């Protein structure tokens, strides 16, 4: 039981400020679950869209299952996210605001069900990215100094 993380989207945290995070289920086809269990997924270039009151994820690459047959899935197909109606309504309002977008941040199994974490994000400017890198580097150096003294 518990949570088994399959993929993280570090690029999302570099490119965006993540304001809120929502957990959604994934609507998958046959062999996609087996590919996910083997960790053959990439969400670096993926993004979410709201269309007709439903949330979809595009450009998420789930590699075809090696032992699959001719009925294997399309790796880059659009997949529906399973959210409650009130959550979708909140997301529609947030995305209507200027500069906010939906970006997947993490895929994991929670009690044998595939879940995806979707963040409501604001884009970072170049100086914001530099500031984040400087802060990370300073934290790393201070951790290293503390570890060396011990």
N, C-alpha and C. Protein backbone atom coordinates (compact mmCIF):
# COMPACT_ATOMS: atom_id res chain seq x y z
N UNK A 1 0.84 -1.19 0.00
CA UNK A 1 0.00 0.00 0.00
C UNK A 1 0.88 1.25 0.00
N UNK A 2 0.27 2.40 0.08
CA UNK A 2 1.03 3.64 0.13
C UNK A 2 1.21 4.23 -1.26
N UNK A 3 2.23 5.05 -1.37
CA UNK A 3 2.48 5.80 -2.60
C UNK A 3 3.81 5.38 -3.20
N UNK A 4 3.79 5.07 -4.52
CA UNK A 4 5.01 4.75 -5.26
C UNK A 4 5.13 5.76 -6.40
N UNK A 5 6.11 6.64 -6.31
CA UNK A 5 6.29 7.69 -7.32
C UNK A 5 6.92 7.08 -8.56
N UNK A 6 6.32 7.40 -9.72
CA UNK A 6 6.81 6.88 -10.99
C UNK A 6 7.64 7.93 -11.72
N UNK A 7 7.13 9.17 -11.79
CA UNK A 7 7.84 10.22 -12.53
C UNK A 7 7.60 11.57 -11.88
N UNK A 8 8.64 12.39 -11.82
CA UNK A 8 8.57 13.77 -11.35
C UNK A 8 8.83 14.69 -12.53
N UNK A 9 8.25 15.89 -12.48
CA UNK A 9 8.49 16.88 -13.52
C UNK A 9 9.29 18.03 -12.91
N UNK A 10 10.62 17.85 -12.83
CA UNK A 10 11.48 18.88 -12.26
C UNK A 10 11.45 20.14 -13.11
N UNK A 11 11.25 19.98 -14.39
CA UNK A 11 11.23 21.13 -15.30
C UNK A 11 10.08 22.08 -14.95
N UNK A 12 8.96 21.51 -14.47
CA UNK A 12 7.81 22.34 -14.11
C UNK A 12 8.18 23.29 -12.97
N UNK A 13 8.94 22.80 -11.99
CA UNK A 13 9.32 23.64 -10.86
C UNK A 13 10.39 24.65 -11.26
N UNK A 14 11.13 24.38 -12.33
CA UNK A 14 12.11 25.34 -12.82
C UNK A 14 11.45 26.43 -13.66
N UNK A 15 10.47 26.05 -14.46
CA UNK A 15 9.84 26.98 -15.39
C UNK A 15 8.67 27.76 -14.80
N UNK A 16 8.07 27.25 -13.71
CA UNK A 16 6.83 27.84 -13.18
C UNK A 16 6.88 27.97 -11.67
N UNK A 17 6.05 28.91 -11.15
CA UNK A 17 5.72 28.95 -9.73
C UNK A 17 4.47 28.10 -9.58
N UNK A 18 4.51 27.06 -8.76
CA UNK A 18 3.35 26.19 -8.58
C UNK A 18 2.54 26.73 -7.40
N UNK A 19 1.33 27.25 -7.70
CA UNK A 19 0.49 27.86 -6.67
C UNK A 19 -0.32 26.81 -5.90
N UNK A 20 -1.05 25.98 -6.62
CA UNK A 20 -1.89 24.96 -6.00
C UNK A 20 -1.65 23.63 -6.69
N UNK A 21 -1.97 22.54 -5.99
CA UNK A 21 -1.78 21.21 -6.55
C UNK A 21 -3.07 20.41 -6.36
N UNK A 22 -3.49 19.72 -7.42
CA UNK A 22 -4.67 18.86 -7.38
C UNK A 22 -4.27 17.44 -7.74
N UNK A 23 -4.90 16.47 -7.08
CA UNK A 23 -4.68 15.06 -7.40
C UNK A 23 -5.81 14.59 -8.31
N UNK A 24 -5.44 13.95 -9.42
CA UNK A 24 -6.44 13.47 -10.37
C UNK A 24 -6.14 12.03 -10.74
N UNK A 25 -7.18 11.31 -11.09
CA UNK A 25 -7.01 9.97 -11.61
C UNK A 25 -6.73 10.04 -13.10
N UNK A 26 -6.25 8.96 -13.66
CA UNK A 26 -5.95 8.90 -15.09
C UNK A 26 -6.84 7.86 -15.76
N UNK A 27 -7.40 8.20 -16.91
CA UNK A 27 -8.17 7.25 -17.67
C UNK A 27 -7.23 6.59 -18.68
N UNK A 28 -6.88 5.32 -18.44
CA UNK A 28 -5.86 4.65 -19.24
C UNK A 28 -6.45 3.47 -20.01
N UNK A 29 -5.74 3.07 -21.06
CA UNK A 29 -6.12 1.91 -21.85
C UNK A 29 -5.24 0.73 -21.44
N UNK A 30 -5.66 -0.46 -21.82
CA UNK A 30 -5.04 -1.74 -21.51
C UNK A 30 -3.60 -1.78 -21.05
N UNK A 31 -2.66 -1.69 -21.97
CA UNK A 31 -1.26 -1.92 -21.63
C UNK A 31 -0.57 -0.69 -21.04
N UNK A 32 -1.28 0.44 -20.98
CA UNK A 32 -0.65 1.66 -20.44
C UNK A 32 -0.30 1.49 -18.96
N UNK A 33 -1.13 0.77 -18.22
CA UNK A 33 -0.87 0.57 -16.79
C UNK A 33 0.40 -0.25 -16.60
N UNK A 34 0.59 -1.27 -17.42
CA UNK A 34 1.79 -2.09 -17.32
C UNK A 34 3.04 -1.27 -17.64
N UNK A 35 2.95 -0.40 -18.64
CA UNK A 35 4.08 0.47 -18.96
C UNK A 35 4.36 1.43 -17.81
N UNK A 36 3.31 1.95 -17.19
CA UNK A 36 3.49 2.84 -16.04
C UNK A 36 4.18 2.11 -14.89
N UNK A 37 3.78 0.87 -14.62
CA UNK A 37 4.37 0.10 -13.53
C UNK A 37 5.86 -0.14 -13.79
N UNK A 38 6.25 -0.22 -15.07
CA UNK A 38 7.66 -0.39 -15.40
C UNK A 38 8.40 0.95 -15.42
N UNK A 39 7.68 2.06 -15.22
CA UNK A 39 8.30 3.38 -15.16
C UNK A 39 8.60 3.99 -16.51
N UNK A 40 7.94 3.52 -17.55
CA UNK A 40 8.21 4.02 -18.90
C UNK A 40 7.26 5.16 -19.25
N UNK A 41 7.46 6.29 -18.59
CA UNK A 41 6.61 7.46 -18.81
C UNK A 41 7.44 8.73 -18.70
N UNK A 42 7.06 9.73 -19.48
CA UNK A 42 7.72 11.03 -19.43
C UNK A 42 6.66 12.12 -19.44
N UNK A 43 6.76 13.05 -18.48
CA UNK A 43 5.80 14.16 -18.43
C UNK A 43 6.49 15.51 -18.57
N UNK A 44 7.74 15.51 -19.03
CA UNK A 44 8.49 16.76 -19.13
C UNK A 44 7.85 17.76 -20.09
N UNK A 45 7.38 17.30 -21.21
CA UNK A 45 6.83 18.20 -22.23
C UNK A 45 5.31 18.25 -22.20
N UNK A 46 4.69 17.65 -21.19
CA UNK A 46 3.23 17.55 -21.19
C UNK A 46 2.57 18.77 -20.55
N UNK A 47 1.30 18.95 -20.86
CA UNK A 47 0.50 20.05 -20.34
C UNK A 47 -0.96 19.61 -20.30
N UNK A 48 -1.77 20.35 -19.54
CA UNK A 48 -3.19 20.01 -19.41
C UNK A 48 -4.04 21.08 -20.06
N UNK A 49 -5.18 20.63 -20.61
CA UNK A 49 -6.15 21.54 -21.23
C UNK A 49 -7.53 21.23 -20.68
N UNK A 50 -8.37 22.26 -20.64
CA UNK A 50 -9.77 22.06 -20.26
C UNK A 50 -10.59 22.27 -21.52
N UNK A 51 -11.37 21.22 -21.86
CA UNK A 51 -12.18 21.28 -23.07
C UNK A 51 -13.55 20.67 -22.76
N UNK A 52 -14.59 21.41 -23.04
CA UNK A 52 -15.98 20.97 -22.82
C UNK A 52 -16.22 20.55 -21.37
N UNK A 53 -15.63 21.28 -20.43
CA UNK A 53 -15.84 20.98 -19.02
C UNK A 53 -15.10 19.74 -18.53
N UNK A 54 -14.12 19.25 -19.30
CA UNK A 54 -13.32 18.10 -18.89
C UNK A 54 -11.84 18.46 -19.02
N UNK A 55 -11.01 17.82 -18.21
CA UNK A 55 -9.57 18.10 -18.21
C UNK A 55 -8.85 16.97 -18.93
N UNK A 56 -7.98 17.34 -19.87
CA UNK A 56 -7.20 16.37 -20.64
C UNK A 56 -5.72 16.69 -20.51
N UNK A 57 -4.89 15.65 -20.58
CA UNK A 57 -3.44 15.84 -20.59
C UNK A 57 -2.91 15.47 -21.97
N UNK A 58 -2.11 16.36 -22.53
CA UNK A 58 -1.54 16.16 -23.86
C UNK A 58 -0.03 15.99 -23.74
N UNK A 59 0.54 15.28 -24.71
CA UNK A 59 1.99 15.13 -24.83
C UNK A 59 2.63 14.30 -23.72
N UNK A 60 1.86 13.57 -22.94
CA UNK A 60 2.44 12.67 -21.94
C UNK A 60 2.82 11.40 -22.68
N UNK A 61 4.10 11.04 -22.59
CA UNK A 61 4.60 9.89 -23.36
C UNK A 61 4.65 8.65 -22.47
N UNK A 62 3.72 7.71 -22.73
CA UNK A 62 3.78 6.40 -22.09
C UNK A 62 4.22 5.43 -23.18
N UNK A 63 5.43 4.89 -23.04
CA UNK A 63 5.99 4.01 -24.06
C UNK A 63 5.13 2.76 -24.23
N UNK A 64 5.05 2.22 -25.46
CA UNK A 64 4.28 0.99 -25.67
C UNK A 64 4.85 -0.17 -24.86
N UNK A 65 3.98 -1.03 -24.37
CA UNK A 65 4.37 -2.18 -23.57
C UNK A 65 5.07 -3.19 -24.47
N UNK A 66 6.26 -3.65 -24.06
CA UNK A 66 7.08 -4.52 -24.91
C UNK A 66 6.42 -5.86 -25.20
N UNK A 67 5.73 -6.44 -24.21
CA UNK A 67 5.07 -7.73 -24.43
C UNK A 67 3.65 -7.56 -24.98
N UNK A 68 3.29 -6.33 -25.33
CA UNK A 68 1.95 -6.09 -25.88
C UNK A 68 1.84 -6.61 -27.30
N UNK A 69 0.62 -6.65 -27.79
CA UNK A 69 0.38 -7.14 -29.15
C UNK A 69 0.05 -5.96 -30.07
N UNK A 70 -0.60 -6.22 -31.16
CA UNK A 70 -0.92 -5.16 -32.12
C UNK A 70 -1.95 -4.18 -31.56
N UNK A 71 -2.57 -4.51 -30.44
CA UNK A 71 -3.56 -3.63 -29.80
C UNK A 71 -2.90 -2.61 -28.87
N UNK A 72 -1.58 -2.47 -28.95
CA UNK A 72 -0.87 -1.52 -28.08
C UNK A 72 -1.39 -0.10 -28.29
N UNK A 73 -1.21 0.73 -27.30
CA UNK A 73 -1.73 2.10 -27.31
C UNK A 73 -0.79 3.05 -28.06
N UNK A 74 -1.33 4.21 -28.43
CA UNK A 74 -0.54 5.28 -29.03
C UNK A 74 0.20 6.00 -27.89
N UNK A 75 1.53 6.12 -27.95
CA UNK A 75 2.29 6.67 -26.82
C UNK A 75 1.93 8.11 -26.46
N UNK A 76 1.58 8.95 -27.42
CA UNK A 76 1.35 10.37 -27.15
C UNK A 76 -0.12 10.76 -27.18
N UNK A 77 -1.01 9.80 -27.07
CA UNK A 77 -2.43 10.13 -27.18
C UNK A 77 -2.90 11.02 -26.03
N UNK A 78 -4.00 11.71 -26.26
CA UNK A 78 -4.59 12.57 -25.25
C UNK A 78 -5.33 11.70 -24.23
N UNK A 79 -5.12 11.97 -22.94
CA UNK A 79 -5.74 11.17 -21.89
C UNK A 79 -6.59 12.05 -20.99
N UNK A 80 -7.71 11.51 -20.58
CA UNK A 80 -8.64 12.27 -19.74
C UNK A 80 -8.23 12.14 -18.27
N UNK A 81 -8.34 13.25 -17.54
CA UNK A 81 -8.07 13.25 -16.12
C UNK A 81 -9.40 13.18 -15.37
N UNK A 82 -9.40 12.43 -14.29
CA UNK A 82 -10.62 12.23 -13.51
C UNK A 82 -10.59 13.12 -12.27
N UNK A 83 -11.43 14.15 -12.28
CA UNK A 83 -11.54 15.10 -11.18
C UNK A 83 -13.01 15.28 -10.81
N UNK A 84 -13.26 15.76 -9.61
CA UNK A 84 -14.63 16.08 -9.21
C UNK A 84 -15.08 17.35 -9.93
N UNK A 85 -16.37 17.48 -10.14
CA UNK A 85 -16.93 18.62 -10.86
C UNK A 85 -16.54 19.95 -10.21
N UNK A 86 -16.60 20.03 -8.88
CA UNK A 86 -16.25 21.29 -8.21
C UNK A 86 -14.77 21.64 -8.39
N UNK A 87 -13.91 20.63 -8.45
CA UNK A 87 -12.49 20.89 -8.71
C UNK A 87 -12.29 21.40 -10.13
N UNK A 88 -13.01 20.81 -11.09
CA UNK A 88 -12.90 21.27 -12.48
C UNK A 88 -13.38 22.71 -12.60
N UNK A 89 -14.47 23.05 -11.92
CA UNK A 89 -14.98 24.42 -11.96
C UNK A 89 -13.96 25.40 -11.39
N UNK A 90 -13.30 25.02 -10.29
CA UNK A 90 -12.25 25.88 -9.72
C UNK A 90 -11.11 26.06 -10.71
N UNK A 91 -10.72 24.96 -11.37
CA UNK A 91 -9.62 25.04 -12.34
C UNK A 91 -9.99 25.93 -13.52
N UNK A 92 -11.23 25.85 -13.98
CA UNK A 92 -11.67 26.69 -15.11
C UNK A 92 -11.54 28.16 -14.74
N UNK A 93 -11.96 28.51 -13.52
CA UNK A 93 -11.85 29.90 -13.07
C UNK A 93 -10.39 30.34 -12.96
N UNK A 94 -9.54 29.46 -12.43
CA UNK A 94 -8.12 29.81 -12.25
C UNK A 94 -7.41 29.99 -13.58
N UNK A 95 -7.70 29.09 -14.53
CA UNK A 95 -7.02 29.16 -15.82
C UNK A 95 -7.50 30.37 -16.62
N UNK A 96 -8.72 30.83 -16.35
CA UNK A 96 -9.22 32.02 -17.02
C UNK A 96 -8.44 33.26 -16.59
N UNK A 97 -7.81 33.22 -15.40
CA UNK A 97 -6.97 34.33 -14.97
C UNK A 97 -5.76 34.45 -15.89
N UNK A 98 -5.22 35.64 -15.93
CA UNK A 98 -4.08 35.89 -16.82
C UNK A 98 -2.83 35.15 -16.35
N UNK A 99 -2.21 34.42 -17.24
CA UNK A 99 -0.91 33.82 -16.96
C UNK A 99 -0.91 32.51 -16.20
N UNK A 100 -2.06 31.94 -15.88
CA UNK A 100 -2.07 30.67 -15.16
C UNK A 100 -2.29 29.51 -16.12
N UNK A 101 -1.63 28.40 -15.84
CA UNK A 101 -1.74 27.22 -16.69
C UNK A 101 -1.71 25.97 -15.81
N UNK A 102 -2.11 24.84 -16.39
CA UNK A 102 -2.12 23.56 -15.68
C UNK A 102 -0.94 22.72 -16.17
N UNK A 103 -0.10 22.30 -15.24
CA UNK A 103 1.09 21.53 -15.59
C UNK A 103 1.16 20.30 -14.68
N UNK A 104 1.35 19.11 -15.27
CA UNK A 104 1.52 17.92 -14.43
C UNK A 104 2.87 17.95 -13.73
N UNK A 105 2.88 17.64 -12.43
CA UNK A 105 4.12 17.70 -11.67
C UNK A 105 4.62 16.33 -11.23
N UNK A 106 3.72 15.35 -11.11
CA UNK A 106 4.13 14.06 -10.57
C UNK A 106 3.12 12.99 -11.00
N UNK A 107 3.61 11.77 -11.29
CA UNK A 107 2.76 10.61 -11.51
C UNK A 107 3.14 9.56 -10.49
N UNK A 108 2.14 8.94 -9.88
CA UNK A 108 2.41 7.95 -8.85
C UNK A 108 1.26 6.97 -8.75
N UNK A 109 1.54 5.84 -8.09
CA UNK A 109 0.50 4.87 -7.77
C UNK A 109 0.12 5.06 -6.31
N UNK A 110 -1.17 5.19 -6.06
CA UNK A 110 -1.68 5.33 -4.70
C UNK A 110 -2.68 4.20 -4.50
N UNK A 111 -2.33 3.24 -3.68
CA UNK A 111 -3.17 2.06 -3.44
C UNK A 111 -3.54 1.39 -4.77
N UNK A 112 -2.56 1.14 -5.60
CA UNK A 112 -2.66 0.44 -6.89
C UNK A 112 -3.47 1.19 -7.94
N UNK A 113 -3.72 2.47 -7.74
CA UNK A 113 -4.40 3.29 -8.76
C UNK A 113 -3.44 4.38 -9.23
N UNK A 114 -3.39 4.57 -10.56
CA UNK A 114 -2.50 5.59 -11.12
C UNK A 114 -3.10 6.96 -10.87
N UNK A 115 -2.30 7.84 -10.29
CA UNK A 115 -2.72 9.21 -10.00
C UNK A 115 -1.71 10.17 -10.60
N UNK A 116 -2.20 11.37 -10.90
CA UNK A 116 -1.33 12.42 -11.41
C UNK A 116 -1.57 13.68 -10.60
N UNK A 117 -0.50 14.38 -10.30
CA UNK A 117 -0.58 15.63 -9.55
C UNK A 117 -0.50 16.76 -10.56
N UNK A 118 -1.53 17.62 -10.58
CA UNK A 118 -1.59 18.72 -11.53
C UNK A 118 -1.46 20.02 -10.76
N UNK A 119 -0.52 20.86 -11.17
CA UNK A 119 -0.29 22.13 -10.50
C UNK A 119 -0.86 23.29 -11.29
N UNK A 120 -1.45 24.25 -10.57
CA UNK A 120 -1.87 25.51 -11.18
C UNK A 120 -0.66 26.42 -11.10
N UNK A 121 -0.11 26.80 -12.26
CA UNK A 121 1.21 27.43 -12.30
C UNK A 121 1.19 28.80 -12.97
N UNK A 122 2.13 29.64 -12.51
CA UNK A 122 2.42 30.92 -13.13
C UNK A 122 3.82 30.83 -13.71
N UNK A 123 4.03 31.34 -14.89
CA UNK A 123 5.35 31.28 -15.52
C UNK A 123 6.37 32.15 -14.82
N UNK A 124 7.62 31.68 -14.78
CA UNK A 124 8.71 32.45 -14.20
C UNK A 124 9.40 33.26 -15.28
N UNK A 125 9.87 34.41 -14.90
CA UNK A 125 10.70 35.22 -15.78
C UNK A 125 12.15 34.73 -15.63
N UNK A 126 13.03 35.19 -16.50
CA UNK A 126 14.42 34.75 -16.47
C UNK A 126 15.10 35.08 -15.15
N UNK A 127 14.84 36.29 -14.62
CA UNK A 127 15.49 36.66 -13.36
C UNK A 127 14.96 35.82 -12.20
N UNK A 128 13.70 35.37 -12.26
CA UNK A 128 13.16 34.47 -11.22
C UNK A 128 13.90 33.14 -11.24
N UNK A 129 14.16 32.63 -12.44
CA UNK A 129 14.88 31.36 -12.56
C UNK A 129 16.29 31.48 -12.00
N UNK A 130 16.95 32.61 -12.30
CA UNK A 130 18.30 32.84 -11.78
C UNK A 130 18.29 32.91 -10.26
N UNK A 131 17.29 33.59 -9.71
CA UNK A 131 17.17 33.72 -8.26
C UNK A 131 16.97 32.35 -7.61
N UNK A 132 16.15 31.50 -8.22
CA UNK A 132 15.92 30.16 -7.69
C UNK A 132 17.21 29.34 -7.71
N UNK A 133 17.95 29.42 -8.82
CA UNK A 133 19.21 28.69 -8.91
C UNK A 133 20.22 29.18 -7.87
N UNK A 134 20.28 30.50 -7.65
CA UNK A 134 21.19 31.05 -6.64
C UNK A 134 20.82 30.53 -5.25
N UNK A 135 19.52 30.51 -4.94
CA UNK A 135 19.07 30.05 -3.64
C UNK A 135 19.40 28.57 -3.44
N UNK A 136 19.19 27.76 -4.48
CA UNK A 136 19.51 26.33 -4.39
C UNK A 136 21.01 26.13 -4.16
N UNK A 137 21.83 26.88 -4.89
CA UNK A 137 23.27 26.75 -4.76
C UNK A 137 23.73 27.17 -3.36
N UNK A 138 23.17 28.24 -2.83
CA UNK A 138 23.53 28.70 -1.48
C UNK A 138 23.13 27.65 -0.44
N UNK A 139 21.95 27.07 -0.58
CA UNK A 139 21.51 26.02 0.34
C UNK A 139 22.44 24.82 0.28
N UNK A 140 22.84 24.44 -0.93
CA UNK A 140 23.75 23.31 -1.11
C UNK A 140 25.09 23.56 -0.43
N UNK A 141 25.61 24.77 -0.62
CA UNK A 141 26.90 25.12 -0.01
C UNK A 141 26.82 25.13 1.51
N UNK A 142 25.73 25.66 2.06
CA UNK A 142 25.59 25.68 3.51
C UNK A 142 25.43 24.26 4.06
N UNK A 143 24.69 23.41 3.38
CA UNK A 143 24.56 22.01 3.80
C UNK A 143 25.91 21.31 3.77
N UNK A 144 26.70 21.59 2.73
CA UNK A 144 28.02 20.98 2.60
C UNK A 144 28.93 21.45 3.73
N UNK A 145 28.87 22.75 4.07
CA UNK A 145 29.71 23.30 5.15
C UNK A 145 29.32 22.67 6.49
N UNK A 146 28.04 22.52 6.74
CA UNK A 146 27.57 21.91 7.99
C UNK A 146 28.00 20.44 8.07
N UNK A 147 27.91 19.74 6.96
CA UNK A 147 28.28 18.33 6.93
C UNK A 147 29.79 18.16 7.14
N UNK A 148 30.60 19.05 6.56
CA UNK A 148 32.05 18.96 6.71
C UNK A 148 32.50 19.23 8.14
N UNK A 149 31.79 20.10 8.86
CA UNK A 149 32.15 20.41 10.24
C UNK A 149 31.83 19.27 11.18
N UNK A 150 30.85 18.46 10.81
CA UNK A 150 30.43 17.37 11.71
C UNK A 150 31.42 16.23 11.73
